[in-house]
Amino acid sequence: MVTLEGRDLLEGTYYYPRPDPGEKIPIMVLNFRRLFAAWSPELKKTLYFKKPPENENLKRVREITLLHVYDWLAGREGVIELNDPEFKQFMEVYEAFLEKLGEIQYLRRKIGRKTENVFELKESPYVIREVKKGPFSDNL
């Protein structure tokens, strides 16, 4: 079993951000890592493992990237499961965020029967400049 920031993922309830259609949630990325996930019918929840589980009672065993985020609208931490294409799209947005700053927005898009996690970068309206060393009176 895996722990997330010192807490066991099996115990307690965890918040999974689920924006409504057309809604964008501003998030802050706290951490991400590769794990194995599996559905437990007995516990009626998803369990996370560092190694592939060998329990035959678990269903939908898959390798995912677990994204630990802070949801600004809800005011709490949450987790988002990403498959490989979603993680690749997230990394493109995250790298642009590191270069340009701004705000990462999370939304979910329905494609057929599946729901896809999508991330967008809302660029900051503020211009970031370097601070130059010198006497303050020169600036006045």
C-alpha atoms as a PDB file:
ATOM      1  CA  MET A   1       0.000   0.000   0.000  1.00  0.00           C
ATOM      2  CA  VAL A   2       1.165   3.544  -0.690  1.00  0.00           C
ATOM      3  CA  THR A   3       1.166   6.579   1.534  1.00  0.00           C
ATOM      4  CA  LEU A   4       0.712  10.129   0.309  1.00  0.00           C
ATOM      5  CA  GLU A   5       2.702  12.712   2.281  1.00  0.00           C
ATOM      6  CA  GLY A   6       2.807  10.504   5.376  1.00  0.00           C
ATOM      7  CA  ARG A   7      -0.874   9.513   5.209  1.00  0.00           C
ATOM      8  CA  ASP A   8      -2.142   6.084   4.216  1.00  0.00           C
ATOM      9  CA  LEU A   9      -4.309   6.221   1.091  1.00  0.00           C
ATOM     10  CA  LEU A  10      -6.431   3.321   2.322  1.00  0.00           C
ATOM     11  CA  GLU A  11      -7.742   5.168   5.369  1.00  0.00           C
ATOM     12  CA  GLY A  12      -9.946   8.240   5.253  1.00  0.00           C
ATOM     13  CA  THR A  13     -11.570   9.834   2.287  1.00  0.00           C
ATOM     14  CA  TYR A  14      -9.642  11.748  -0.317  1.00  0.00           C
ATOM     15  CA  TYR A  15     -10.872  14.591  -2.421  1.00  0.00           C
ATOM     16  CA  TYR A  16     -10.950  14.050  -6.187  1.00  0.00           C
ATOM     17  CA  PRO A  17     -11.565  17.385  -7.990  1.00  0.00           C
ATOM     18  CA  ARG A  18     -14.427  16.952 -10.470  1.00  0.00           C
ATOM     19  CA  PRO A  19     -15.212  20.195 -12.325  1.00  0.00           C
ATOM     20  CA  ASP A  20     -18.622  20.506 -13.953  1.00  0.00           C
ATOM     21  CA  PRO A  21     -18.791  20.597 -17.777  1.00  0.00           C
ATOM     22  CA  GLY A  22     -17.306  23.877 -18.971  1.00  0.00           C
ATOM     23  CA  GLU A  23     -15.917  24.723 -15.513  1.00  0.00           C
ATOM     24  CA  LYS A  24     -12.187  25.313 -15.007  1.00  0.00           C
ATOM     25  CA  ILE A  25     -10.584  24.841 -11.606  1.00  0.00           C
ATOM     26  CA  PRO A  26      -7.364  26.701 -10.763  1.00  0.00           C
ATOM     27  CA  ILE A  27      -4.903  24.253  -9.198  1.00  0.00           C
ATOM     28  CA  MET A  28      -1.428  24.282  -7.724  1.00  0.00           C
ATOM     29  CA  VAL A  29       0.702  21.176  -8.269  1.00  0.00           C
ATOM     30  CA  LEU A  30       2.138  19.815  -5.029  1.00  0.00           C
ATOM     31  CA  ASN A  31       3.610  16.491  -6.148  1.00  0.00           C
ATOM     32  CA  PHE A  32       3.264  13.693  -8.712  1.00  0.00           C
ATOM     33  CA  ARG A  33       4.477  10.104  -8.980  1.00  0.00           C
ATOM     34  CA  ARG A  34       4.016   6.856 -10.905  1.00  0.00           C
ATOM     35  CA  LEU A  35       1.909   4.208  -9.163  1.00  0.00           C
ATOM     36  CA  PHE A  36      -0.297   1.212  -9.835  1.00  0.00           C
ATOM     37  CA  ALA A  37      -4.004   1.653  -9.175  1.00  0.00           C
ATOM     38  CA  ALA A  38      -6.680  -0.997  -8.750  1.00  0.00           C
ATOM     39  CA  TRP A  39     -10.377  -0.965  -7.853  1.00  0.00           C
ATOM     40  CA  SER A  40     -11.353  -2.848  -4.704  1.00  0.00           C
ATOM     41  CA  PRO A  41     -14.993  -4.046  -4.882  1.00  0.00           C
ATOM     42  CA  GLU A  42     -14.974  -4.892  -1.165  1.00  0.00           C
ATOM     43  CA  LEU A  43     -13.865  -1.419  -0.048  1.00  0.00           C
ATOM     44  CA  LYS A  44     -15.569   0.334  -2.989  1.00  0.00           C
ATOM     45  CA  LYS A  45     -12.572   2.572  -3.622  1.00  0.00           C
ATOM     46  CA  THR A  46      -9.367   2.782  -5.628  1.00  0.00           C
ATOM     47  CA  LEU A  47      -6.203   1.539  -3.948  1.00  0.00           C
ATOM     48  CA  TYR A  48      -2.683   2.624  -4.923  1.00  0.00           C
ATOM     49  CA  PHE A  49       0.440   0.443  -4.921  1.00  0.00           C
ATOM     50  CA  LYS A  50       4.141   0.923  -5.640  1.00  0.00           C
ATOM     51  CA  LYS A  51       4.388  -2.532  -7.274  1.00  0.00           C
ATOM     52  CA  PRO A  52       1.747  -4.355  -9.344  1.00  0.00           C
ATOM     53  CA  PRO A  53      -0.745  -5.933  -6.910  1.00  0.00           C
ATOM     54  CA  GLU A  54      -1.104  -9.704  -6.860  1.00  0.00           C
ATOM     55  CA  ASN A  55      -4.502  -9.795  -5.177  1.00  0.00           C
ATOM     56  CA  GLU A  56      -7.051 -11.483  -7.460  1.00  0.00           C
ATOM     57  CA  ASN A  57     -10.005  -9.610  -5.922  1.00  0.00           C
ATOM     58  CA  LEU A  58      -8.813  -6.276  -7.324  1.00  0.00           C
ATOM     59  CA  LYS A  59     -10.172  -5.081 -10.665  1.00  0.00           C
ATOM     60  CA  ARG A  60      -8.948  -2.669 -13.368  1.00  0.00           C
ATOM     61  CA  VAL A  61      -5.277  -2.836 -12.402  1.00  0.00           C
ATOM     62  CA  ARG A  62      -3.440  -0.063 -14.287  1.00  0.00           C
ATOM     63  CA  GLU A  63      -0.313   2.061 -14.168  1.00  0.00           C
ATOM     64  CA  ILE A  64      -1.062   5.741 -13.586  1.00  0.00           C
ATOM     65  CA  THR A  65       0.509   9.009 -12.554  1.00  0.00           C
ATOM     66  CA  LEU A  66      -1.035  10.307  -9.357  1.00  0.00           C
ATOM     67  CA  LEU A  67      -1.064  14.105  -9.303  1.00  0.00           C
ATOM     68  CA  HIS A  68      -1.301  15.665  -5.834  1.00  0.00           C
ATOM     69  CA  VAL A  69      -2.824  19.159  -6.216  1.00  0.00           C
ATOM     70  CA  TYR A  70      -4.320  21.997  -4.224  1.00  0.00           C
ATOM     71  CA  ASP A  71      -7.760  23.058  -5.496  1.00  0.00           C
ATOM     72  CA  TRP A  72      -8.088  26.829  -5.010  1.00  0.00           C
ATOM     73  CA  LEU A  73     -11.892  26.888  -5.383  1.00  0.00           C
ATOM     74  CA  ALA A  74     -12.537  24.122  -2.845  1.00  0.00           C
ATOM     75  CA  GLY A  75      -9.677  25.241  -0.607  1.00  0.00           C
ATOM     76  CA  ARG A  76      -8.315  21.730  -0.089  1.00  0.00           C
ATOM     77  CA  GLU A  77      -5.837  19.181  -1.365  1.00  0.00           C
ATOM     78  CA  GLY A  78      -6.848  16.492  -3.808  1.00  0.00           C
ATOM     79  CA  VAL A  79      -5.549  13.812  -6.158  1.00  0.00           C
ATOM     80  CA  ILE A  80      -6.010  13.387  -9.909  1.00  0.00           C
ATOM     81  CA  GLU A  81      -5.284  10.133 -11.747  1.00  0.00           C
ATOM     82  CA  LEU A  82      -3.624  10.609 -15.131  1.00  0.00           C
ATOM     83  CA  ASN A  83      -2.905   8.063 -17.837  1.00  0.00           C
ATOM     84  CA  ASP A  84       0.144   8.447 -20.115  1.00  0.00           C
ATOM     85  CA  PRO A  85      -1.358  10.775 -22.799  1.00  0.00           C
ATOM     86  CA  GLU A  86      -2.942  12.994 -20.123  1.00  0.00           C
ATOM     87  CA  PHE A  87       0.358  13.165 -18.218  1.00  0.00           C
ATOM     88  CA  LYS A  88       2.203  14.135 -21.403  1.00  0.00           C
ATOM     89  CA  GLN A  89      -0.286  16.969 -22.002  1.00  0.00           C
ATOM     90  CA  PHE A  90       0.034  18.017 -18.346  1.00  0.00           C
ATOM     91  CA  MET A  91       3.850  18.152 -18.584  1.00  0.00           C
ATOM     92  CA  GLU A  92       3.664  20.446 -21.644  1.00  0.00           C
ATOM     93  CA  VAL A  93       1.430  22.842 -19.703  1.00  0.00           C
ATOM     94  CA  TYR A  94       3.569  22.538 -16.561  1.00  0.00           C
ATOM     95  CA  GLU A  95       6.790  23.352 -18.448  1.00  0.00           C
ATOM     96  CA  ALA A  96       5.101  26.406 -20.002  1.00  0.00           C
ATOM     97  CA  PHE A  97       3.936  27.395 -16.509  1.00  0.00           C
ATOM     98  CA  LEU A  98       7.504  27.213 -15.182  1.00  0.00           C
ATOM     99  CA  GLU A  99       8.716  29.479 -18.004  1.00  0.00           C
ATOM    100  CA  LYS A 100       5.888  32.040 -18.189  1.00  0.00           C
ATOM    101  CA  LEU A 101       4.187  31.697 -14.791  1.00  0.00           C
ATOM    102  CA  GLY A 102       0.430  32.226 -14.550  1.00  0.00           C
ATOM    103  CA  GLU A 103      -2.222  29.767 -13.410  1.00  0.00           C
ATOM    104  CA  ILE A 104      -2.760  26.095 -14.263  1.00  0.00           C
ATOM    105  CA  GLN A 105      -6.442  25.349 -14.863  1.00  0.00           C
ATOM    106  CA  TYR A 106      -7.931  21.845 -14.716  1.00  0.00           C
ATOM    107  CA  LEU A 107     -11.024  20.770 -16.632  1.00  0.00           C
ATOM    108  CA  ARG A 108     -12.643  17.527 -17.692  1.00  0.00           C
ATOM    109  CA  ARG A 109     -13.838  16.956 -21.247  1.00  0.00           C
ATOM    110  CA  LYS A 110     -16.280  14.232 -22.284  1.00  0.00           C
ATOM    111  CA  ILE A 111     -15.196  12.329 -25.404  1.00  0.00           C
ATOM    112  CA  GLY A 112     -17.698   9.619 -26.257  1.00  0.00           C
ATOM    113  CA  ARG A 113     -18.111   7.499 -23.128  1.00  0.00           C
ATOM    114  CA  LYS A 114     -14.784   8.508 -21.621  1.00  0.00           C
ATOM    115  CA  THR A 115     -13.908  11.607 -19.663  1.00  0.00           C
ATOM    116  CA  GLU A 116     -10.518  13.153 -20.365  1.00  0.00           C
ATOM    117  CA  ASN A 117      -8.474  15.279 -17.951  1.00  0.00           C
ATOM    118  CA  VAL A 118      -7.230  18.476 -19.617  1.00  0.00           C
ATOM    119  CA  PHE A 119      -4.919  21.192 -18.312  1.00  0.00           C
ATOM    120  CA  GLU A 120      -4.604  24.744 -19.611  1.00  0.00           C
ATOM    121  CA  LEU A 121      -2.286  27.607 -18.765  1.00  0.00           C
ATOM    122  CA  LYS A 122      -3.828  31.001 -18.069  1.00  0.00           C
ATOM    123  CA  GLU A 123      -0.980  33.439 -18.420  1.00  0.00           C
ATOM    124  CA  SER A 124      -0.471  36.090 -15.791  1.00  0.00           C
ATOM    125  CA  PRO A 125      -1.621  39.607 -16.748  1.00  0.00           C
ATOM    126  CA  TYR A 126       1.332  41.018 -14.809  1.00  0.00           C
ATOM    127  CA  VAL A 127       4.710  41.655 -16.394  1.00  0.00           C
ATOM    128  CA  ILE A 128       7.582  40.217 -14.425  1.00  0.00           C
ATOM    129  CA  ARG A 129      10.764  42.280 -14.537  1.00  0.00           C
ATOM    130  CA  GLU A 130      14.158  41.826 -13.034  1.00  0.00           C
ATOM    131  CA  VAL A 131      15.060  43.951 -10.058  1.00  0.00           C
ATOM    132  CA  LYS A 132      18.046  46.110 -10.813  1.00  0.00           C
ATOM    133  CA  LYS A 133      20.492  47.030  -8.125  1.00  0.00           C
ATOM    134  CA  GLY A 134      21.065  50.735  -7.582  1.00  0.00           C
ATOM    135  CA  PRO A 135      20.054  53.718  -5.504  1.00  0.00           C
ATOM    136  CA  PHE A 136      16.316  54.257  -5.120  1.00  0.00           C
ATOM    137  CA  SER A 137      16.715  57.979  -5.780  1.00  0.00           C
ATOM    138  CA  ASP A 138      17.796  57.229  -9.374  1.00  0.00           C
ATOM    139  CA  ASN A 139      14.397  55.623 -10.025  1.00  0.00           C
ATOM    140  CA  LEU A 140      12.549  58.692  -8.763  1.00  0.00           C
END
